[in-house]
PDB file of N, CA and C in Angstrom:
ATOM      1  N   MET A   1      11.118  16.440   4.240  1.00  0.00           N
ATOM      2  CA  MET A   1       9.803  17.016   4.794  1.00  0.00           C
ATOM      3  C   MET A   1       8.969  17.370   3.452  1.00  0.00           C
ATOM      4  N   ILE A   2       7.713  17.156   3.607  1.00  0.00           N
ATOM      5  CA  ILE A   2       6.765  17.398   2.524  1.00  0.00           C
ATOM      6  C   ILE A   2       5.856  18.514   2.868  1.00  0.00           C
ATOM      7  N   GLN A   3       5.555  19.248   1.814  1.00  0.00           N
ATOM      8  CA  GLN A   3       4.692  20.385   1.982  1.00  0.00           C
ATOM      9  C   GLN A   3       3.183  20.063   1.855  1.00  0.00           C
ATOM     10  N   ILE A   4       2.337  20.877   2.253  1.00  0.00           N
ATOM     11  CA  ILE A   4       0.930  20.514   2.208  1.00  0.00           C
ATOM     12  C   ILE A   4       0.364  20.340   0.755  1.00  0.00           C
ATOM     13  N   SER A   5       0.956  21.179  -0.134  1.00  0.00           N
ATOM     14  CA  SER A   5       0.481  21.085  -1.541  1.00  0.00           C
ATOM     15  C   SER A   5       0.850  19.788  -2.285  1.00  0.00           C
ATOM     16  N   ALA A   6       1.978  19.147  -1.820  1.00  0.00           N
ATOM     17  CA  ALA A   6       2.409  17.882  -2.349  1.00  0.00           C
ATOM     18  C   ALA A   6       1.446  16.693  -1.786  1.00  0.00           C
ATOM     19  N   ILE A   7       1.088  16.890  -0.583  1.00  0.00           N
ATOM     20  CA  ILE A   7       0.119  15.907  -0.086  1.00  0.00           C
ATOM     21  C   ILE A   7      -1.304  15.972  -0.675  1.00  0.00           C
ATOM     22  N   VAL A   8      -1.747  17.185  -0.871  1.00  0.00           N
ATOM     23  CA  VAL A   8      -3.054  17.384  -1.443  1.00  0.00           C
ATOM     24  C   VAL A   8      -2.953  16.749  -2.889  1.00  0.00           C
ATOM     25  N   ALA A   9      -1.818  16.913  -3.511  1.00  0.00           N
ATOM     26  CA  ALA A   9      -1.752  16.394  -4.936  1.00  0.00           C
ATOM     27  C   ALA A   9      -1.764  14.901  -4.994  1.00  0.00           C
ATOM     28  N   LEU A  10      -1.264  14.208  -3.845  1.00  0.00           N
ATOM     29  CA  LEU A  10      -1.196  12.733  -3.797  1.00  0.00           C
ATOM     30  C   LEU A  10      -2.538  12.207  -3.783  1.00  0.00           C
ATOM     31  N   LEU A  11      -3.556  12.771  -3.111  1.00  0.00           N
ATOM     32  CA  LEU A  11      -4.851  12.149  -2.810  1.00  0.00           C
ATOM     33  C   LEU A  11      -5.950  12.911  -3.528  1.00  0.00           C
ATOM     34  N   PRO A  12      -6.672  12.175  -4.387  1.00  0.00           N
ATOM     35  CA  PRO A  12      -7.793  12.813  -5.031  1.00  0.00           C
ATOM     36  C   PRO A  12      -8.979  13.139  -4.031  1.00  0.00           C
ATOM     37  N   ASP A  13      -9.660  14.182  -4.226  1.00  0.00           N
ATOM     38  CA  ASP A  13     -10.728  14.658  -3.419  1.00  0.00           C
ATOM     39  C   ASP A  13     -10.309  15.013  -1.998  1.00  0.00           C
ATOM     40  N   LEU A  14      -9.014  15.214  -1.769  1.00  0.00           N
ATOM     41  CA  LEU A  14      -8.593  15.780  -0.559  1.00  0.00           C
ATOM     42  C   LEU A  14      -8.095  17.181  -0.842  1.00  0.00           C
ATOM     43  N   GLY A  15      -8.886  18.201  -0.234  1.00  0.00           N
ATOM     44  CA  GLY A  15      -8.466  19.645  -0.469  1.00  0.00           C
ATOM     45  C   GLY A  15      -7.725  20.091   0.781  1.00  0.00           C
ATOM     46  N   GLU A  16      -7.092  21.031   0.594  1.00  0.00           N
ATOM     47  CA  GLU A  16      -6.184  21.797   1.662  1.00  0.00           C
ATOM     48  C   GLU A  16      -7.192  22.121   2.798  1.00  0.00           C
ATOM     49  N   PRO A  17      -8.291  22.699   2.677  1.00  0.00           N
ATOM     50  CA  PRO A  17      -9.217  22.934   3.907  1.00  0.00           C
ATOM     51  C   PRO A  17      -9.452  21.716   4.663  1.00  0.00           C
ATOM     52  N   GLU A  18      -9.718  20.592   4.014  1.00  0.00           N
ATOM     53  CA  GLU A  18     -10.032  19.452   4.813  1.00  0.00           C
ATOM     54  C   GLU A  18      -8.716  18.835   5.590  1.00  0.00           C
ATOM     55  N   LEU A  19      -7.676  18.945   4.916  1.00  0.00           N
ATOM     56  CA  LEU A  19      -6.405  18.557   5.585  1.00  0.00           C
ATOM     57  C   LEU A  19      -6.086  19.430   6.751  1.00  0.00           C
ATOM     58  N   LEU A  20      -6.317  20.769   6.664  1.00  0.00           N
ATOM     59  CA  LEU A  20      -6.161  21.733   7.726  1.00  0.00           C
ATOM     60  C   LEU A  20      -7.091  21.353   8.880  1.00  0.00           C
ATOM     61  N   THR A  21      -8.329  20.996   8.543  1.00  0.00           N
ATOM     62  CA  THR A  21      -9.271  20.574   9.589  1.00  0.00           C
ATOM     63  C   THR A  21      -8.730  19.382  10.397  1.00  0.00           C
ATOM     64  N   TRP A  22      -8.098  18.374   9.705  1.00  0.00           N
ATOM     65  CA  TRP A  22      -7.627  17.263  10.297  1.00  0.00           C
ATOM     66  C   TRP A  22      -6.441  17.706  11.378  1.00  0.00           C
ATOM     67  N   ILE A  23      -5.690  18.660  10.848  1.00  0.00           N
ATOM     68  CA  ILE A  23      -4.542  19.181  11.724  1.00  0.00           C
ATOM     69  C   ILE A  23      -5.151  19.869  12.934  1.00  0.00           C
ATOM     70  N   ASP A  24      -6.148  20.745  12.752  1.00  0.00           N
ATOM     71  CA  ASP A  24      -6.821  21.476  13.817  1.00  0.00           C
ATOM     72  C   ASP A  24      -7.341  20.537  14.914  1.00  0.00           C
ATOM     73  N   ARG A  25      -7.961  19.341  14.366  1.00  0.00           N
ATOM     74  CA  ARG A  25      -8.512  18.370  15.265  1.00  0.00           C
ATOM     75  C   ARG A  25      -7.528  17.525  15.947  1.00  0.00           C
ATOM     76  N   GLY A  26      -6.228  17.597  15.489  1.00  0.00           N
ATOM     77  CA  GLY A  26      -5.218  16.825  16.155  1.00  0.00           C
ATOM     78  C   GLY A  26      -5.065  15.406  15.658  1.00  0.00           C
ATOM     79  N   TRP A  27      -5.784  15.090  14.455  1.00  0.00           N
ATOM     80  CA  TRP A  27      -5.565  13.806  13.837  1.00  0.00           C
ATOM     81  C   TRP A  27      -4.320  13.647  13.282  1.00  0.00           C
ATOM     82  N   VAL A  28      -3.653  14.727  12.714  1.00  0.00           N
ATOM     83  CA  VAL A  28      -2.383  14.748  12.173  1.00  0.00           C
ATOM     84  C   VAL A  28      -1.551  15.834  12.860  1.00  0.00           C
ATOM     85  N   ARG A  29      -0.242  15.541  13.131  1.00  0.00           N
ATOM     86  CA  ARG A  29       0.560  16.529  13.821  1.00  0.00           C
ATOM     87  C   ARG A  29       1.826  16.808  13.146  1.00  0.00           C
ATOM     88  N   PRO A  30       1.673  17.628  11.943  1.00  0.00           N
ATOM     89  CA  PRO A  30       2.999  17.993  11.414  1.00  0.00           C
ATOM     90  C   PRO A  30       3.689  19.113  12.056  1.00  0.00           C
ATOM     91  N   GLU A  31       4.896  19.376  11.589  1.00  0.00           N
ATOM     92  CA  GLU A  31       5.675  20.413  12.254  1.00  0.00           C
ATOM     93  C   GLU A  31       5.354  21.773  11.536  1.00  0.00           C
ATOM     94  N   PRO A  32       5.259  22.709  12.338  1.00  0.00           N
ATOM     95  CA  PRO A  32       5.162  24.132  11.823  1.00  0.00           C
ATOM     96  C   PRO A  32       6.443  24.451  10.988  1.00  0.00           C
ATOM     97  N   ALA A  33       6.136  25.140   9.826  1.00  0.00           N
ATOM     98  CA  ALA A  33       7.222  25.519   9.011  1.00  0.00           C
ATOM     99  C   ALA A  33       6.916  26.916   8.551  1.00  0.00           C
ATOM    100  N   GLU A  34       7.981  27.659   7.969  1.00  0.00           N
ATOM    101  CA  GLU A  34       7.785  28.984   7.504  1.00  0.00           C
ATOM    102  C   GLU A  34       6.731  29.094   6.460  1.00  0.00           C
ATOM    103  N   THR A  35       6.507  28.174   5.654  1.00  0.00           N
ATOM    104  CA  THR A  35       5.518  28.175   4.597  1.00  0.00           C
ATOM    105  C   THR A  35       4.231  27.380   5.069  1.00  0.00           C
ATOM    106  N   GLY A  36       4.080  27.142   6.151  1.00  0.00           N
ATOM    107  CA  GLY A  36       2.884  26.420   6.719  1.00  0.00           C
ATOM    108  C   GLY A  36       3.058  25.241   7.539  1.00  0.00           C
ATOM    109  N   TRP A  37       3.055  24.121   6.884  1.00  0.00           N
ATOM    110  CA  TRP A  37       3.364  22.872   7.621  1.00  0.00           C
ATOM    111  C   TRP A  37       4.479  21.981   6.947  1.00  0.00           C
ATOM    112  N   ALA A  38       5.131  21.268   7.716  1.00  0.00           N
ATOM    113  CA  ALA A  38       6.043  20.322   7.066  1.00  0.00           C
ATOM    114  C   ALA A  38       5.679  18.940   7.609  1.00  0.00           C
ATOM    115  N   PHE A  39       5.511  18.030   6.648  1.00  0.00           N
ATOM    116  CA  PHE A  39       5.062  16.677   7.023  1.00  0.00           C
ATOM    117  C   PHE A  39       6.209  15.646   6.841  1.00  0.00           C
ATOM    118  N   GLN A  40       6.265  14.753   7.783  1.00  0.00           N
ATOM    119  CA  GLN A  40       7.193  13.693   7.715  1.00  0.00           C
ATOM    120  C   GLN A  40       6.484  12.412   7.088  1.00  0.00           C
ATOM    121  N   ASP A  41       7.346  11.345   6.772  1.00  0.00           N
ATOM    122  CA  ASP A  41       6.651  10.230   6.166  1.00  0.00           C
ATOM    123  C   ASP A  41       5.590   9.632   6.987  1.00  0.00           C
ATOM    124  N   ILE A  42       5.775   9.653   8.394  1.00  0.00           N
ATOM    125  CA  ILE A  42       4.807   9.146   9.293  1.00  0.00           C
ATOM    126  C   ILE A  42       3.525   9.888   9.187  1.00  0.00           C
ATOM    127  N   ASP A  43       3.652  11.239   9.032  1.00  0.00           N
ATOM    128  CA  ASP A  43       2.439  12.047   8.879  1.00  0.00           C
ATOM    129  C   ASP A  43       1.700  11.708   7.638  1.00  0.00           C
ATOM    130  N   VAL A  44       2.448  11.439   6.486  1.00  0.00           N
ATOM    131  CA  VAL A  44       1.875  11.169   5.204  1.00  0.00           C
ATOM    132  C   VAL A  44       1.066   9.802   5.399  1.00  0.00           C
ATOM    133  N   ALA A  45       1.713   8.813   6.111  1.00  0.00           N
ATOM    134  CA  ALA A  45       1.031   7.657   6.254  1.00  0.00           C
ATOM    135  C   ALA A  45      -0.326   7.721   7.084  1.00  0.00           C
ATOM    136  N   ARG A  46      -0.271   8.557   8.127  1.00  0.00           N
ATOM    137  CA  ARG A  46      -1.467   8.796   8.889  1.00  0.00           C
ATOM    138  C   ARG A  46      -2.545   9.540   8.050  1.00  0.00           C
ATOM    139  N   ILE A  47      -2.137  10.415   7.268  1.00  0.00           N
ATOM    140  CA  ILE A  47      -3.086  11.169   6.320  1.00  0.00           C
ATOM    141  C   ILE A  47      -3.721  10.105   5.355  1.00  0.00           C
ATOM    142  N   ARG A  48      -2.947   9.187   4.788  1.00  0.00           N
ATOM    143  CA  ARG A  48      -3.510   8.142   3.955  1.00  0.00           C
ATOM    144  C   ARG A  48      -4.382   7.369   4.693  1.00  0.00           C
ATOM    145  N   LEU A  49      -4.220   6.964   5.892  1.00  0.00           N
ATOM    146  CA  LEU A  49      -5.067   6.136   6.692  1.00  0.00           C
ATOM    147  C   LEU A  49      -6.416   6.950   6.938  1.00  0.00           C
ATOM    148  N   ILE A  50      -6.306   8.193   7.335  1.00  0.00           N
ATOM    149  CA  ILE A  50      -7.439   8.932   7.668  1.00  0.00           C
ATOM    150  C   ILE A  50      -8.298   9.178   6.306  1.00  0.00           C
ATOM    151  N   TYR A  51      -7.609   9.416   5.257  1.00  0.00           N
ATOM    152  CA  TYR A  51      -8.261   9.545   3.956  1.00  0.00           C
ATOM    153  C   TYR A  51      -9.007   8.206   3.637  1.00  0.00           C
ATOM    154  N   ASP A  52      -8.342   7.138   3.808  1.00  0.00           N
ATOM    155  CA  ASP A  52      -9.136   5.797   3.570  1.00  0.00           C
ATOM    156  C   ASP A  52     -10.269   5.684   4.373  1.00  0.00           C
ATOM    157  N   LEU A  53     -10.084   6.014   5.661  1.00  0.00           N
ATOM    158  CA  LEU A  53     -11.176   5.906   6.594  1.00  0.00           C
ATOM    159  C   LEU A  53     -12.426   6.685   6.226  1.00  0.00           C
ATOM    160  N   HIS A  54     -12.084   7.973   5.868  1.00  0.00           N
ATOM    161  CA  HIS A  54     -13.140   8.969   5.523  1.00  0.00           C
ATOM    162  C   HIS A  54     -13.622   8.734   4.177  1.00  0.00           C
ATOM    163  N   HIS A  55     -12.761   8.707   3.213  1.00  0.00           N
ATOM    164  CA  HIS A  55     -13.305   8.671   1.869  1.00  0.00           C
ATOM    165  C   HIS A  55     -13.545   7.309   1.257  1.00  0.00           C
ATOM    166  N   GLY A  56     -12.775   6.326   1.690  1.00  0.00           N
ATOM    167  CA  GLY A  56     -13.009   4.962   1.263  1.00  0.00           C
ATOM    168  C   GLY A  56     -13.981   4.059   1.955  1.00  0.00           C
ATOM    169  N   MET A  57     -13.951   4.301   3.382  1.00  0.00           N
ATOM    170  CA  MET A  57     -14.804   3.385   4.154  1.00  0.00           C
ATOM    171  C   MET A  57     -15.926   4.152   4.715  1.00  0.00           C
ATOM    172  N   ASN A  58     -16.169   5.388   4.462  1.00  0.00           N
ATOM    173  CA  ASN A  58     -17.168   6.302   4.987  1.00  0.00           C
ATOM    174  C   ASN A  58     -17.337   6.311   6.532  1.00  0.00           C
ATOM    175  N   VAL A  59     -16.164   6.234   7.130  1.00  0.00           N
ATOM    176  CA  VAL A  59     -16.171   6.404   8.605  1.00  0.00           C
ATOM    177  C   VAL A  59     -16.686   7.853   8.962  1.00  0.00           C
ATOM    178  N   ALA A  60     -17.548   7.921   9.784  1.00  0.00           N
ATOM    179  CA  ALA A  60     -18.028   9.287  10.307  1.00  0.00           C
ATOM    180  C   ALA A  60     -16.879  10.061  10.999  1.00  0.00           C
ATOM    181  N   ASP A  61     -16.878  11.394  10.795  1.00  0.00           N
ATOM    182  CA  ASP A  61     -15.861  12.241  11.392  1.00  0.00           C
ATOM    183  C   ASP A  61     -15.842  11.948  13.048  1.00  0.00           C
ATOM    184  N   ASP A  62     -16.913  11.819  13.604  1.00  0.00           N
ATOM    185  CA  ASP A  62     -16.878  11.676  15.085  1.00  0.00           C
ATOM    186  C   ASP A  62     -16.395  10.344  15.471  1.00  0.00           C
ATOM    187  N   MET A  63     -16.197   9.390  14.593  1.00  0.00           N
ATOM    188  CA  MET A  63     -15.622   8.029  14.987  1.00  0.00           C
ATOM    189  C   MET A  63     -14.081   8.029  14.652  1.00  0.00           C
ATOM    190  N   ILE A  64     -13.661   8.805  13.795  1.00  0.00           N
ATOM    191  CA  ILE A  64     -12.292   8.763  13.421  1.00  0.00           C
ATOM    192  C   ILE A  64     -11.330   8.786  14.680  1.00  0.00           C
ATOM    193  N   PRO A  65     -11.505   9.808  15.559  1.00  0.00           N
ATOM    194  CA  PRO A  65     -10.619   9.794  16.623  1.00  0.00           C
ATOM    195  C   PRO A  65     -10.558   8.499  17.459  1.00  0.00           C
ATOM    196  N   MET A  66     -11.724   7.713  17.581  1.00  0.00           N
ATOM    197  CA  MET A  66     -11.701   6.432  18.270  1.00  0.00           C
ATOM    198  C   MET A  66     -10.914   5.433  17.474  1.00  0.00           C
ATOM    199  N   VAL A  67     -11.100   5.414  16.172  1.00  0.00           N
ATOM    200  CA  VAL A  67     -10.347   4.487  15.366  1.00  0.00           C
ATOM    201  C   VAL A  67      -8.849   4.690  15.438  1.00  0.00           C
ATOM    202  N   LEU A  68      -8.515   5.956  15.302  1.00  0.00           N
ATOM    203  CA  LEU A  68      -7.129   6.382  15.417  1.00  0.00           C
ATOM    204  C   LEU A  68      -6.542   5.997  16.733  1.00  0.00           C
ATOM    205  N   SER A  69      -7.247   6.205  17.894  1.00  0.00           N
ATOM    206  CA  SER A  69      -6.799   5.863  19.175  1.00  0.00           C
ATOM    207  C   SER A  69      -6.553   4.355  19.205  1.00  0.00           C
ATOM    208  N   LEU A  70      -7.512   3.632  18.716  1.00  0.00           N
ATOM    209  CA  LEU A  70      -7.319   2.154  18.839  1.00  0.00           C
ATOM    210  C   LEU A  70      -6.128   1.660  18.046  1.00  0.00           C
ATOM    211  N   LEU A  71      -5.991   2.173  16.901  1.00  0.00           N
ATOM    212  CA  LEU A  71      -4.843   1.896  15.990  1.00  0.00           C
ATOM    213  C   LEU A  71      -3.545   2.213  16.664  1.00  0.00           C
ATOM    214  N   ASP A  72      -3.498   3.414  17.320  1.00  0.00           N
ATOM    215  CA  ASP A  72      -2.321   3.822  18.054  1.00  0.00           C
ATOM    216  C   ASP A  72      -1.930   2.813  19.158  1.00  0.00           C
ATOM    217  N   GLN A  73      -3.060   2.454  19.843  1.00  0.00           N
ATOM    218  CA  GLN A  73      -2.819   1.489  20.968  1.00  0.00           C
ATOM    219  C   GLN A  73      -2.251   0.131  20.487  1.00  0.00           C
ATOM    220  N   VAL A  74      -2.760  -0.354  19.308  1.00  0.00           N
ATOM    221  CA  VAL A  74      -2.214  -1.607  18.693  1.00  0.00           C
ATOM    222  C   VAL A  74      -0.808  -1.506  18.272  1.00  0.00           C
ATOM    223  N   TYR A  75      -0.405  -0.277  17.640  1.00  0.00           N
ATOM    224  CA  TYR A  75       0.958  -0.065  17.313  1.00  0.00           C
ATOM    225  C   TYR A  75       1.800  -0.023  18.497  1.00  0.00           C
ATOM    226  N   ASP A  76       1.402   0.661  19.564  1.00  0.00           N
ATOM    227  CA  ASP A  76       2.213   0.714  20.799  1.00  0.00           C
ATOM    228  C   ASP A  76       2.373  -0.701  21.337  1.00  0.00           C
ATOM    229  N   LEU A  77       1.300  -1.443  21.480  1.00  0.00           N
ATOM    230  CA  LEU A  77       1.431  -2.780  21.986  1.00  0.00           C
ATOM    231  C   LEU A  77       2.368  -3.703  21.145  1.00  0.00           C
ATOM    232  N   ARG A  78       2.225  -3.581  19.858  1.00  0.00           N
ATOM    233  CA  ARG A  78       3.188  -4.369  18.989  1.00  0.00           C
ATOM    234  C   ARG A  78       4.685  -4.079  19.360  1.00  0.00           C
ATOM    235  N   GLY A  79       4.958  -2.783  19.581  1.00  0.00           N
ATOM    236  CA  GLY A  79       6.303  -2.341  19.961  1.00  0.00           C
ATOM    237  C   GLY A  79       6.749  -2.871  21.337  1.00  0.00           C
ATOM    238  N   ARG A  80       5.705  -2.882  22.290  1.00  0.00           N
ATOM    239  CA  ARG A  80       6.053  -3.450  23.575  1.00  0.00           C
ATOM    240  C   ARG A  80       6.337  -4.901  23.491  1.00  0.00           C
ATOM    241  N   LEU A  81       5.434  -5.627  22.713  1.00  0.00           N
ATOM    242  CA  LEU A  81       5.668  -7.098  22.529  1.00  0.00           C
ATOM    243  C   LEU A  81       7.066  -7.407  21.903  1.00  0.00           C
ATOM    244  N   ARG A  82       7.430  -6.596  20.941  1.00  0.00           N
ATOM    245  CA  ARG A  82       8.804  -6.922  20.392  1.00  0.00           C
ATOM    246  C   ARG A  82       9.859  -6.641  21.481  1.00  0.00           C
ATOM    247  N   MET A  83       9.694  -5.748  22.375  1.00  0.00           N
ATOM    248  CA  MET A  83      10.675  -5.506  23.453  1.00  0.00           C
ATOM    249  C   MET A  83      10.674  -6.687  24.351  1.00  0.00           C
ATOM    250  N   VAL A  84       9.569  -7.262  24.650  1.00  0.00           N
ATOM    251  CA  VAL A  84       9.489  -8.442  25.491  1.00  0.00           C
ATOM    252  C   VAL A  84      10.128  -9.647  24.859  1.00  0.00           C
ATOM    253  N   LEU A  85       9.907  -9.715  23.580  1.00  0.00           N
ATOM    254  CA  LEU A  85      10.574 -10.867  22.713  1.00  0.00           C
ATOM    255  C   LEU A  85      12.080 -10.744  22.832  1.00  0.00           C
ATOM    256  N   ARG A  86      12.584  -9.457  22.562  1.00  0.00           N
ATOM    257  CA  ARG A  86      13.918  -9.291  22.660  1.00  0.00           C
ATOM    258  C   ARG A  86      14.562  -9.617  24.018  1.00  0.00           C
ATOM    259  N   ALA A  87      13.813  -9.253  25.146  1.00  0.00           N
ATOM    260  CA  ALA A  87      14.278  -9.593  26.353  1.00  0.00           C
ATOM    261  C   ALA A  87      14.343 -10.990  26.710  1.00  0.00           C
ATOM    262  N   ILE A  88      13.291 -11.759  26.121  1.00  0.00           N
ATOM    263  CA  ILE A  88      13.299 -13.230  26.324  1.00  0.00           C
ATOM    264  C   ILE A  88      14.459 -13.837  25.482  1.00  0.00           C
ATOM    265  N   GLU A  89      14.637 -13.399  24.292  1.00  0.00           N
ATOM    266  CA  GLU A  89      15.666 -13.936  23.440  1.00  0.00           C
ATOM    267  C   GLU A  89      17.078 -13.635  24.092  1.00  0.00           C
ATOM    268  N   ALA A  90      17.255 -12.655  24.848  1.00  0.00           N
ATOM    269  CA  ALA A  90      18.515 -12.244  25.512  1.00  0.00           C
ATOM    270  C   ALA A  90      18.856 -13.175  26.710  1.00  0.00           C
ATOM    271  N   GLN A  91      17.818 -14.009  27.139  1.00  0.00           N
ATOM    272  CA  GLN A  91      18.045 -14.759  28.332  1.00  0.00           C
ATOM    273  C   GLN A  91      18.834 -16.062  28.015  1.00  0.00           C
ATOM    274  N   PRO A  92      19.539 -16.628  28.988  1.00  0.00           N
ATOM    275  CA  PRO A  92      20.208 -17.925  28.713  1.00  0.00           C
ATOM    276  C   PRO A  92      19.114 -19.075  28.467  1.00  0.00           C
ATOM    277  N   GLU A  93      19.522 -20.024  27.699  1.00  0.00           N
ATOM    278  CA  GLU A  93      18.586 -21.156  27.314  1.00  0.00           C
ATOM    279  C   GLU A  93      17.830 -21.683  28.514  1.00  0.00           C
ATOM    280  N   PRO A  94      18.337 -21.883  29.694  1.00  0.00           N
ATOM    281  CA  PRO A  94      17.534 -22.432  30.745  1.00  0.00           C
ATOM    282  C   PRO A  94      16.329 -21.542  31.162  1.00  0.00           C
ATOM    283  N   VAL A  95      16.539 -20.243  30.920  1.00  0.00           N
ATOM    284  CA  VAL A  95      15.523 -19.370  31.370  1.00  0.00           C
ATOM    285  C   VAL A  95      14.510 -19.151  30.220  1.00  0.00           C
ATOM    286  N   ARG A  96      15.168 -19.057  29.024  1.00  0.00           N
ATOM    287  CA  ARG A  96      14.340 -18.773  27.769  1.00  0.00           C
ATOM    288  C   ARG A  96      13.325 -20.025  27.414  1.00  0.00           C
ATOM    289  N   SER A  97      13.837 -21.129  27.486  1.00  0.00           N
ATOM    290  CA  SER A  97      13.069 -22.332  27.065  1.00  0.00           C
ATOM    291  C   SER A  97      11.782 -22.414  27.790  1.00  0.00           C
ATOM    292  N   PRO A  98      11.724 -22.304  29.138  1.00  0.00           N
ATOM    293  CA  PRO A  98      10.439 -22.518  29.857  1.00  0.00           C
ATOM    294  C   PRO A  98       9.420 -21.376  29.524  1.00  0.00           C
ATOM    295  N   ILE A  99       9.909 -20.157  29.291  1.00  0.00           N
ATOM    296  CA  ILE A  99       9.106 -19.005  28.902  1.00  0.00           C
ATOM    297  C   ILE A  99       8.461 -19.322  27.666  1.00  0.00           C
ATOM    298  N   LEU A 100       9.262 -19.707  26.620  1.00  0.00           N
ATOM    299  CA  LEU A 100       8.634 -19.987  25.294  1.00  0.00           C
ATOM    300  C   LEU A 100       7.683 -21.120  25.285  1.00  0.00           C
ATOM    301  N   THR A 101       7.955 -22.057  26.126  1.00  0.00           N
ATOM    302  CA  THR A 101       7.088 -23.204  26.221  1.00  0.00           C
ATOM    303  C   THR A 101       5.771 -22.747  26.792  1.00  0.00           C
ATOM    304  N   ALA A 102       5.840 -22.013  27.868  1.00  0.00           N
ATOM    305  CA  ALA A 102       4.628 -21.430  28.455  1.00  0.00           C
ATOM    306  C   ALA A 102       3.854 -20.526  27.465  1.00  0.00           C
ATOM    307  N   LEU A 103       4.491 -19.932  26.505  1.00  0.00           N
ATOM    308  CA  LEU A 103       3.756 -19.070  25.572  1.00  0.00           C
ATOM    309  C   LEU A 103       3.332 -19.932  24.425  1.00  0.00           C
ATOM    310  N   GLY A 104       3.600 -21.221  24.390  1.00  0.00           N
ATOM    311  CA  GLY A 104       3.176 -22.049  23.341  1.00  0.00           C
ATOM    312  C   GLY A 104       4.116 -22.049  22.079  1.00  0.00           C
ATOM    313  N   GLY A 105       5.326 -21.542  22.269  1.00  0.00           N
ATOM    314  CA  GLY A 105       6.177 -21.484  21.151  1.00  0.00           C
ATOM    315  C   GLY A 105       7.337 -22.379  21.245  1.00  0.00           C
TER     316      GLY A 105
END
């Protein structure tokens, strides 16, 4: 787990008040800890994404929830497609082959 001070030190121009605002808005969901917040690697990745959207690409604050939602949906879809692929691969060849042919593969 990573503390808030370590995250702020990783990213230039990101202050603790701004990060706390992101938490208040629900953009990042770290775990509560005795000393404030405890961030997992996935939280740090999301913070880097938000940081790049806000500081690097100048995405407006009111658009960030939409961008995050769309990216979350893409990530979820990729996971579901991996599950479908595993299910297809688990089928016997006479079942698997026509499915893969229909998919263009």
